[in-house]
Protein backbone atom coordinates (compact mmCIF):
# COMPACT_ATOMS: atom_id res chain seq x y z
CA UNK A 1 179.10 320.28 154.02
CA UNK A 2 181.50 318.32 151.84
CA UNK A 3 185.23 318.54 152.56
CA UNK A 4 187.40 320.03 149.81
CA UNK A 5 190.43 318.79 147.90
CA UNK A 6 193.20 321.06 149.14
CA UNK A 7 196.25 319.71 147.31
CA UNK A 8 197.54 317.15 144.84
CA UNK A 9 200.91 315.90 146.08
CA UNK A 10 203.15 314.06 143.60
CA UNK A 11 206.12 311.92 144.66
CA UNK A 12 208.85 310.30 142.56
CA UNK A 13 209.48 306.94 144.28
CA UNK A 14 212.18 304.60 142.97
CA UNK A 15 213.37 301.25 144.30
CA UNK A 16 216.77 299.74 143.35
CA UNK A 17 215.49 296.44 141.96
CA UNK A 18 218.18 296.44 139.27
CA UNK A 19 220.71 295.61 141.99
CA UNK A 20 219.57 291.97 142.04
CA UNK A 21 217.90 291.91 138.58
CA UNK A 22 214.46 291.58 140.15
CA UNK A 23 211.97 292.34 137.37
CA UNK A 24 214.48 291.67 134.56
CA UNK A 25 213.24 290.43 131.19
CA UNK A 26 214.29 290.34 127.54
CA UNK A 27 213.23 293.95 126.84
CA UNK A 28 213.92 295.44 130.27
CA UNK A 29 217.22 294.02 131.56
CA UNK A 30 217.82 296.38 134.49
CA UNK A 31 214.56 297.90 135.80
CA UNK A 32 214.37 300.01 138.93
CA UNK A 33 210.75 299.45 139.89
CA UNK A 34 209.26 302.87 140.53
CA UNK A 35 206.02 304.76 141.09
CA UNK A 36 204.88 308.27 140.30
CA UNK A 37 202.74 308.46 143.41
CA UNK A 38 199.84 310.89 143.82
CA UNK A 39 197.89 311.90 146.94
CA UNK A 40 194.65 313.87 146.89
CA UNK A 41 194.68 315.79 150.19
CA UNK A 42 191.48 317.10 151.79
CA UNK A 43 190.54 319.34 154.69
CA UNK A 44 188.35 316.64 156.23
CA UNK A 45 188.89 315.90 159.92
CA UNK A 46 191.07 312.83 160.38
CA UNK A 47 193.15 313.42 157.28
CA UNK A 48 190.92 311.83 154.63
CA UNK A 49 192.91 311.45 151.39
CA UNK A 50 192.97 309.45 148.18
CA UNK A 51 196.03 307.59 146.88
CA UNK A 52 197.03 306.43 143.41
CA UNK A 53 200.14 305.76 141.33
CA UNK A 54 201.64 305.10 137.92
CA UNK A 55 204.09 302.22 137.74
CA UNK A 56 207.30 302.81 135.80
CA UNK A 57 210.73 301.17 135.79
CA UNK A 58 212.85 304.21 136.66
CA UNK A 59 213.52 307.38 134.69
CA UNK A 60 210.03 307.41 133.23
CA UNK A 61 208.94 308.81 136.58
CA UNK A 62 210.30 312.22 135.51
CA UNK A 63 207.77 312.40 132.69
CA UNK A 64 204.80 310.88 134.51
CA UNK A 65 205.25 313.11 137.56
CA UNK A 66 205.18 316.17 135.30
CA UNK A 67 201.99 314.90 133.64
CA UNK A 68 200.34 314.35 137.02
CA UNK A 69 201.04 317.94 138.02
CA UNK A 70 199.23 319.25 134.92
CA UNK A 71 195.99 317.72 136.26
CA UNK A 72 196.10 319.63 139.53
CA UNK A 73 193.72 322.44 138.37
CA UNK A 74 190.98 319.87 137.75
CA UNK A 75 191.10 318.65 141.32
CA UNK A 76 192.25 321.28 143.81
CA UNK A 77 189.43 323.32 145.30
CA UNK A 78 186.68 320.89 144.34
CA UNK A 79 184.28 319.50 146.97
CA UNK A 80 185.07 315.86 147.59
CA UNK A 81 181.45 314.86 147.06
CA UNK A 82 181.43 316.41 143.59
CA UNK A 83 184.12 313.89 142.61
CA UNK A 84 183.18 310.79 144.59
CA UNK A 85 179.47 311.31 143.88
CA UNK A 86 179.98 311.04 140.10
CA UNK A 87 183.16 309.19 139.28
CA UNK A 88 182.02 308.69 135.70
CA UNK A 89 181.92 312.43 135.12
CA UNK A 90 185.27 312.87 136.88
CA UNK A 91 186.88 310.24 134.63
CA UNK A 92 185.55 311.97 131.53
CA UNK A 93 186.68 315.37 132.80
CA UNK A 94 190.30 314.20 133.13
CA UNK A 95 190.46 312.23 129.89
CA UNK A 96 188.60 314.71 127.65
CA UNK A 97 190.63 317.89 128.15
CA UNK A 98 191.21 318.63 124.47
CA UNK A 99 194.68 320.15 124.82
CA UNK A 100 195.98 317.29 126.99
CA UNK A 101 194.04 314.59 125.14
CA UNK A 102 195.72 315.70 121.92
CA UNK A 103 198.94 314.16 123.24
CA UNK A 104 197.39 310.69 123.02
CA UNK A 105 194.56 310.72 122.39
CA UNK A 106 193.62 308.59 125.40
CA UNK A 107 196.94 306.78 125.47
CA UNK A 108 200.48 307.24 126.63
CA UNK A 109 201.85 309.11 129.60
CA UNK A 110 199.03 311.65 129.83
CA UNK A 111 196.39 308.92 129.90
CA UNK A 112 198.33 306.97 132.53
CA UNK A 113 198.52 310.11 134.66
CA UNK A 114 194.78 310.65 134.34
CA UNK A 115 194.29 307.02 135.33
CA UNK A 116 196.38 307.48 138.47
CA UNK A 117 194.27 310.46 139.55
CA UNK A 118 191.06 308.55 138.75
CA UNK A 119 192.35 305.65 140.85
CA UNK A 120 193.15 308.06 143.68
CA UNK A 121 189.58 309.34 143.47
CA UNK A 122 188.27 305.78 143.74
CA UNK A 123 190.54 305.22 146.74
CA UNK A 124 189.11 308.40 148.26
CA UNK A 125 185.52 307.33 147.58
CA UNK A 126 186.10 303.90 149.10
CA UNK A 127 187.74 305.40 152.20
CA UNK A 128 184.85 307.79 152.54
CA UNK A 129 182.47 304.82 152.35
CA UNK A 130 184.59 302.66 154.68
CA UNK A 131 184.83 299.84 152.12
CA UNK A 132 187.47 298.27 149.87
CA UNK A 133 187.05 299.20 146.21
CA UNK A 134 186.09 295.69 145.07
CA UNK A 135 183.25 295.65 147.58
CA UNK A 136 182.19 299.19 146.71
CA UNK A 137 181.95 298.23 143.03
CA UNK A 138 180.13 294.99 143.81
CA UNK A 139 177.50 296.98 145.67
CA UNK A 140 176.64 299.24 142.71
CA UNK A 141 173.64 298.57 140.50
CA UNK A 142 174.10 297.67 136.83
CA UNK A 143 172.86 301.14 135.92
CA UNK A 144 175.38 302.82 138.21
CA UNK A 145 178.19 300.69 136.79
CA UNK A 146 177.47 301.45 133.14
CA UNK A 147 177.33 305.16 133.99
CA UNK A 148 181.02 304.84 134.86
CA UNK A 149 181.93 303.67 131.35
CA UNK A 150 182.74 305.79 128.31
CA UNK A 151 181.14 303.83 125.42
CA UNK A 152 182.63 306.09 122.76
CA UNK A 153 184.49 303.89 120.24
CA UNK A 154 182.99 300.72 121.77
CA UNK A 155 179.45 300.62 120.40
CA UNK A 156 180.40 298.44 117.40
CA UNK A 157 181.47 295.76 119.89
CA UNK A 158 179.65 296.56 123.14
CA UNK A 159 176.62 298.79 123.62
CA UNK A 160 175.33 300.21 126.87
CA UNK A 161 172.35 297.85 126.63
CA UNK A 162 174.61 294.82 126.19
CA UNK A 163 176.70 295.91 129.17
CA UNK A 164 173.56 296.22 131.27
CA UNK A 165 172.52 292.72 130.23
CA UNK A 166 175.92 291.30 131.26
CA UNK A 167 175.75 292.98 134.65
CA UNK A 168 172.11 292.06 135.27
CA UNK A 169 172.90 288.45 134.42
CA UNK A 170 175.57 288.48 137.13
CA UNK A 171 173.38 290.12 139.80
CA UNK A 172 171.91 286.87 141.17
CA UNK A 173 174.53 285.23 143.34
CA UNK A 174 176.65 288.33 144.01
CA UNK A 175 176.40 287.87 147.78
CA UNK A 176 177.22 284.16 147.54
CA UNK A 177 180.28 284.78 145.35
CA UNK A 178 181.49 287.52 147.69
CA UNK A 179 181.16 285.11 150.61
CA UNK A 180 183.07 282.45 148.65
CA UNK A 181 185.85 284.97 147.98
CA UNK A 182 186.09 285.77 151.67
CA UNK A 183 186.36 282.08 152.52
CA UNK A 184 188.65 280.83 149.77
CA UNK A 185 190.34 283.84 148.16
CA UNK A 186 191.17 284.30 144.48
CA UNK A 187 193.56 282.03 142.51
CA UNK A 188 197.09 283.38 142.02
CA UNK A 189 200.18 282.49 140.02
CA UNK A 190 203.72 283.69 140.64
CA UNK A 191 206.38 285.16 138.37
CA UNK A 192 208.90 285.03 141.19
CA UNK A 193 211.06 282.19 139.79
CA UNK A 194 211.19 283.46 136.25
CA UNK A 195 213.11 286.74 135.95
CA UNK A 196 215.50 286.49 133.06
CA UNK A 197 218.54 287.64 135.05
CA UNK A 198 218.23 284.87 137.64
CA UNK A 199 220.66 281.96 137.66
CA UNK A 200 219.56 278.41 136.87
CA UNK A 201 219.99 277.49 140.52
CA UNK A 202 217.85 280.37 141.67
CA UNK A 203 215.15 279.59 139.09
CA UNK A 204 215.00 275.94 140.16
CA UNK A 205 214.93 276.73 143.86
CA UNK A 206 212.23 279.40 143.55
CA UNK A 207 210.12 277.18 141.28
CA UNK A 208 210.14 274.42 143.88
CA UNK A 209 209.35 276.93 146.61
CA UNK A 210 206.40 278.24 144.59
CA UNK A 211 204.90 274.77 144.34
CA UNK A 212 205.45 274.20 148.05
CA UNK A 213 203.67 277.52 148.73
CA UNK A 214 200.57 276.29 146.92
CA UNK A 215 200.86 277.94 143.51
CA UNK A 216 199.44 275.96 140.62
CA UNK A 217 201.13 278.15 138.00
CA UNK A 218 204.44 279.94 137.58
CA UNK A 219 205.73 282.19 134.81
CA UNK A 220 209.12 282.45 133.12
CA UNK A 221 210.52 285.34 131.10
CA UNK A 222 211.72 284.31 127.65
CA UNK A 223 213.01 285.87 124.45
CA UNK A 224 216.67 286.56 125.09
CA UNK A 225 218.25 283.43 123.63
CA UNK A 226 216.39 280.33 122.44
CA UNK A 227 218.95 277.83 123.75
CA UNK A 228 218.81 279.51 127.16
CA UNK A 229 215.01 279.43 127.13
CA UNK A 230 214.95 275.73 126.22
CA UNK A 231 217.33 274.99 129.11
CA UNK A 232 215.37 277.12 131.57
CA UNK A 233 212.04 275.60 130.53
CA UNK A 234 213.49 272.12 130.97
CA UNK A 235 214.79 273.00 134.43
CA UNK A 236 211.49 274.58 135.44
CA UNK A 237 209.45 271.63 134.19
CA UNK A 238 211.71 269.20 136.04
CA UNK A 239 211.39 271.32 139.19
CA UNK A 240 207.59 271.64 139.24
CA UNK A 241 206.50 268.39 137.59
CA UNK A 242 203.90 267.79 134.88
CA UNK A 243 200.82 269.14 136.68
CA UNK A 244 201.93 272.73 137.38
CA UNK A 245 201.25 275.25 134.62
CA UNK A 246 204.19 277.24 133.27
CA UNK A 247 203.33 280.43 131.40
CA UNK A 248 205.99 282.30 129.43
CA UNK A 249 206.35 286.02 128.77
CA UNK A 250 208.38 287.57 125.94
CA UNK A 251 207.70 291.20 126.91
CA UNK A 252 207.17 292.31 123.28
CA UNK A 253 210.48 290.91 122.09
CA UNK A 254 209.61 289.31 118.75
CA UNK A 255 208.34 289.88 115.25
CA UNK A 256 205.63 287.46 114.13
CA UNK A 257 207.78 284.82 112.41
CA UNK A 258 210.26 284.75 115.28
CA UNK A 259 207.46 284.40 117.82
CA UNK A 260 205.92 281.52 115.90
CA UNK A 261 209.21 279.67 115.52
CA UNK A 262 210.25 280.28 119.15
CA UNK A 263 206.96 279.04 120.58
CA UNK A 264 206.96 275.96 118.36
CA UNK A 265 210.36 275.17 119.84
CA UNK A 266 209.11 275.65 123.41
CA UNK A 267 205.83 273.80 122.82
CA UNK A 268 207.10 270.36 124.01
CA UNK A 269 207.35 271.84 127.52
CA UNK A 270 203.62 272.73 127.35
CA UNK A 271 203.64 276.45 128.13
CA UNK A 272 200.24 277.55 129.41
CA UNK A 273 200.35 280.81 127.47
CA UNK A 274 202.74 283.09 125.62
CA UNK A 275 202.44 286.62 126.98
CA UNK A 276 203.17 289.77 124.97
CA UNK A 277 204.85 287.95 122.07
CA UNK A 278 205.09 291.12 119.98
CA UNK A 279 204.25 294.85 119.95
CA UNK A 280 201.33 295.56 122.28
CA UNK A 281 199.80 297.85 119.66
CA UNK A 282 199.87 295.29 116.84
CA UNK A 283 196.53 293.53 116.97
CA UNK A 284 196.98 291.69 113.67
CA UNK A 285 200.43 290.43 114.69
CA UNK A 286 198.93 288.94 117.85
CA UNK A 287 196.28 287.25 115.73
CA UNK A 288 198.97 285.86 113.44
CA UNK A 289 201.02 284.53 116.36
CA UNK A 290 197.92 282.92 117.83
CA UNK A 291 197.10 281.24 114.51
CA UNK A 292 200.66 280.17 113.73
CA UNK A 293 201.62 278.10 116.77
CA UNK A 294 199.88 275.90 119.35
CA UNK A 295 200.26 277.96 122.54
CA UNK A 296 197.51 280.30 123.73
CA UNK A 297 198.18 284.05 123.66
CA UNK A 298 197.86 286.49 126.57
CA UNK A 299 198.35 290.24 126.35
CA UNK A 300 197.11 293.59 127.62
CA UNK A 301 199.42 294.97 130.29
CA UNK A 302 200.73 297.56 127.81
CA UNK A 303 197.51 298.00 125.83
CA UNK A 304 196.91 301.73 125.75
CA UNK A 305 193.16 301.86 126.21
CA UNK A 306 189.81 300.11 125.82
CA UNK A 307 189.95 300.46 122.02
CA UNK A 308 193.01 298.22 121.72
CA UNK A 309 191.32 295.59 123.89
CA UNK A 310 188.21 295.86 121.73
CA UNK A 311 190.24 295.19 118.61
CA UNK A 312 192.19 292.31 120.18
CA UNK A 313 188.88 290.66 121.01
CA UNK A 314 187.21 291.42 117.70
CA UNK A 315 190.19 290.00 115.81
CA UNK A 316 190.31 286.80 117.85
CA UNK A 317 193.89 287.70 118.73
CA UNK A 318 193.94 286.82 122.42
CA UNK A 319 193.01 283.90 124.69
CA UNK A 320 193.57 285.77 127.97
CA UNK A 321 192.97 289.46 128.64
CA UNK A 322 195.57 291.01 130.94
CA UNK A 323 194.32 294.25 132.42
CA UNK A 324 196.66 296.49 134.40
CA UNK A 325 195.50 298.76 137.22
CA UNK A 326 197.90 301.59 136.30
CA UNK A 327 198.13 301.53 132.50
CA UNK A 328 194.74 302.67 131.15
CA UNK A 329 192.36 305.36 132.46
CA UNK A 330 191.92 303.94 135.93
CA UNK A 331 189.08 301.90 137.43
CA UNK A 332 186.52 303.27 134.97
CA UNK A 333 188.28 302.17 131.81
CA UNK A 334 189.13 298.83 133.35
CA UNK A 335 185.42 298.25 133.99
CA UNK A 336 184.86 298.81 130.27
CA UNK A 337 187.54 296.22 129.49
CA UNK A 338 186.06 293.69 131.92
CA UNK A 339 182.71 294.11 130.17
CA UNK A 340 184.30 293.69 126.74
CA UNK A 341 186.02 290.49 127.87
CA UNK A 342 182.73 289.18 129.26
CA UNK A 343 180.94 289.99 126.01
CA UNK A 344 183.51 287.97 124.02
CA UNK A 345 183.80 285.19 126.60
CA UNK A 346 187.54 285.66 127.15
CA UNK A 347 188.93 285.20 130.70
CA UNK A 348 190.68 288.08 132.44
CA UNK A 349 194.04 287.26 134.06
CA UNK A 350 195.39 290.60 135.31
CA UNK A 351 199.00 291.75 135.18
CA UNK A 352 200.43 292.60 138.59
CA UNK A 353 204.22 292.69 138.33
CA UNK A 354 205.20 296.11 139.63
CA UNK A 355 205.01 298.62 142.46
CA UNK A 356 201.57 298.46 144.07
CA UNK A 357 199.97 296.61 141.17
CA UNK A 358 199.10 293.53 143.21
CA UNK A 359 197.55 295.75 145.87
CA UNK A 360 195.31 297.52 143.35
CA UNK A 361 194.44 295.04 140.62
CA UNK A 362 193.21 292.40 143.08
CA UNK A 363 190.15 294.61 143.52
CA UNK A 364 189.38 294.49 139.79
CA UNK A 365 189.78 290.72 139.55
CA UNK A 366 187.54 290.18 142.56
CA UNK A 367 184.91 292.59 141.24
CA UNK A 368 184.98 290.73 137.91
CA UNK A 369 184.25 287.48 139.76
CA UNK A 370 181.48 288.92 141.92
CA UNK A 371 179.79 291.33 139.53
CA UNK A 372 180.75 290.82 135.87
CA UNK A 373 181.88 287.39 134.65
CA UNK A 374 180.56 285.60 137.75
CA UNK A 375 183.19 282.89 137.35
CA UNK A 376 186.80 282.12 138.26
CA UNK A 377 187.17 279.47 135.55
CA UNK A 378 190.45 279.86 133.63
CA UNK A 379 191.21 282.97 135.65
CA UNK A 380 194.35 283.56 137.67
CA UNK A 381 195.93 286.72 139.07
CA UNK A 382 199.67 287.42 138.91
CA UNK A 383 201.64 287.72 142.14
CA UNK A 384 205.19 288.99 142.49
CA UNK A 385 206.68 289.04 145.99
CA UNK A 386 208.44 292.40 145.69
CA UNK A 387 208.03 295.67 147.59
CA UNK A 388 204.78 294.95 149.40
CA UNK A 389 206.37 295.97 152.69
CA UNK A 390 206.25 299.58 151.51
CA UNK A 391 202.44 299.68 151.54
CA UNK A 392 200.22 300.30 154.54
CA UNK A 393 197.89 297.41 153.61
CA UNK A 394 200.11 294.94 151.74
CA UNK A 395 198.51 292.23 149.70
CA UNK A 396 198.10 288.84 151.37
CA UNK A 397 198.65 285.64 149.37
CA UNK A 398 198.35 282.31 151.17
CA UNK A 399 198.32 278.78 149.76
CA UNK A 400 198.51 280.16 146.23
CA UNK A 401 195.46 282.41 146.60
CA UNK A 402 194.90 286.11 147.15
CA UNK A 403 193.08 286.80 150.40
CA UNK A 404 190.30 289.35 150.18
CA UNK A 405 191.40 292.87 151.12
CA UNK A 406 189.29 294.30 153.93
CA UNK A 407 190.90 297.72 154.41
CA UNK A 408 188.91 300.63 152.95
CA UNK A 409 190.35 301.99 149.71
CA UNK A 410 192.21 300.72 146.65
CA UNK A 411 195.39 299.50 148.35
CA UNK A 412 197.75 302.21 147.06
CA UNK A 413 198.85 304.13 150.21
CA UNK A 414 202.58 303.83 150.89
CA UNK A 415 204.32 304.02 154.24
CA UNK A 416 205.73 307.40 155.23
CA UNK A 417 209.08 305.78 156.04
CA UNK A 418 209.30 304.37 152.51
CA UNK A 419 208.53 307.78 151.01
CA UNK A 420 211.32 309.34 153.05
CA UNK A 421 213.76 306.64 152.07
CA UNK A 422 213.05 306.16 148.37
CA UNK A 423 211.87 309.53 147.08
CA UNK A 424 214.18 310.39 144.18
CA UNK A 425 216.68 312.05 144.32
CA UNK A 426 216.42 313.36 147.88
CA UNK A 427 215.36 310.26 149.84
CA UNK A 428 217.77 308.67 152.27
CA UNK A 429 218.65 305.73 150.03
CA UNK A 430 219.45 307.87 147.00
CA UNK A 431 221.29 310.58 148.96
CA UNK A 432 223.52 307.83 150.32
CA UNK A 433 224.51 306.96 146.76
CA UNK A 434 222.56 303.70 146.70
CA UNK A 435 224.73 302.16 149.40
CA UNK A 436 221.92 301.26 151.80
CA UNK A 437 222.65 297.53 151.70
CA UNK A 438 219.74 296.71 153.98
CA UNK A 439 217.33 297.33 151.11
CA UNK A 440 219.48 296.55 148.07
CA UNK A 441 217.96 293.06 147.88
CA UNK A 442 214.19 293.27 147.70
CA UNK A 443 211.26 290.91 147.86
CA UNK A 444 211.19 287.14 148.07
CA UNK A 445 214.58 286.55 149.60
CA UNK A 446 214.64 289.24 152.26
CA UNK A 447 212.85 286.93 154.67
CA UNK A 448 210.25 289.54 155.51
């Protein structure tokens, strides 16, 4: 008999990254990296559970946590097998509630909350199967994979039959690519040197350290002040040399004309891409930026759903697709986006700057390599060395490459001690008034 979901626990977890300006950029100068964290509890022996989260940068947790709680009636009391045995139906159940869907539809906070619960269900399914999510996905047939996808609104760009053809084309060689992943890992780049609030000295030092650690690409935040960006790009290029790629990220800062002018000014430093140059919803503006200056365009971390990605690809507005594990409707909708990118021949370079994003999105990138695109050409996965110590199976990056996760699940479970310390407002750190100096500086320079 299948165990039952007995509870949906929601936690408001906030980390004080604004203390050292970790995560700072032109649009978000003082983020406190945070997670609305959800746990699907069961009555199975051994404490089987599923874990997911929404990434926010602080006060947004109030809203997302409330949205997560509205989904409890769809989950509590259900047999686990009724969810994990048909994750396509479960995804549609959560995203098609008419009264909740009306708030989007299929975008915004409610959709992110549904995605977190869907991701928790995938974590649960993978734990039940004793496999990491990437491996679980790579073991599904093309028919099983397309059953996970909602093709509504996609059929003018990608039909079920076309998706099946893409997946069947990638079937030969799955085992060999999985073995290659296990041996060599997946290529990574780091944003660690590039936060906008960092000093020139810190940028230069971290850029050199990134190269020494084996990274072939770094990323800098831009968009605050052009003279500052020109100076920082010069320092970064001098630090890493001519052969290391430097991507830049404006975090939605500009209108079209400003983006075009700014990137023409930065072009002599050979940026690898310009990320989020303008509003994430403005497909035509992205196309105009791409056409108006010489640097390739990357976007997607704030794209609301598969429809926006479809339009970006149809309009020729993007050179790199940047999926996010916690923005759209979970694993299922990200599979749809991977298939869209494969149909249009655009590489996927996932976003991973945030709480738990590296831990989760690595599974999607690795599944894309094994089971969808069947290539790592022009693909690279973001890495930010912040907050991994709070997860029970932290991501491993060595010599500039992600090492394959082997723990069952989707990588989202957090340590109990971290929950006790950083739950807002009652965790130990916040009750102490933010004076816990041991954790005020997070990530790369803690020496962990």
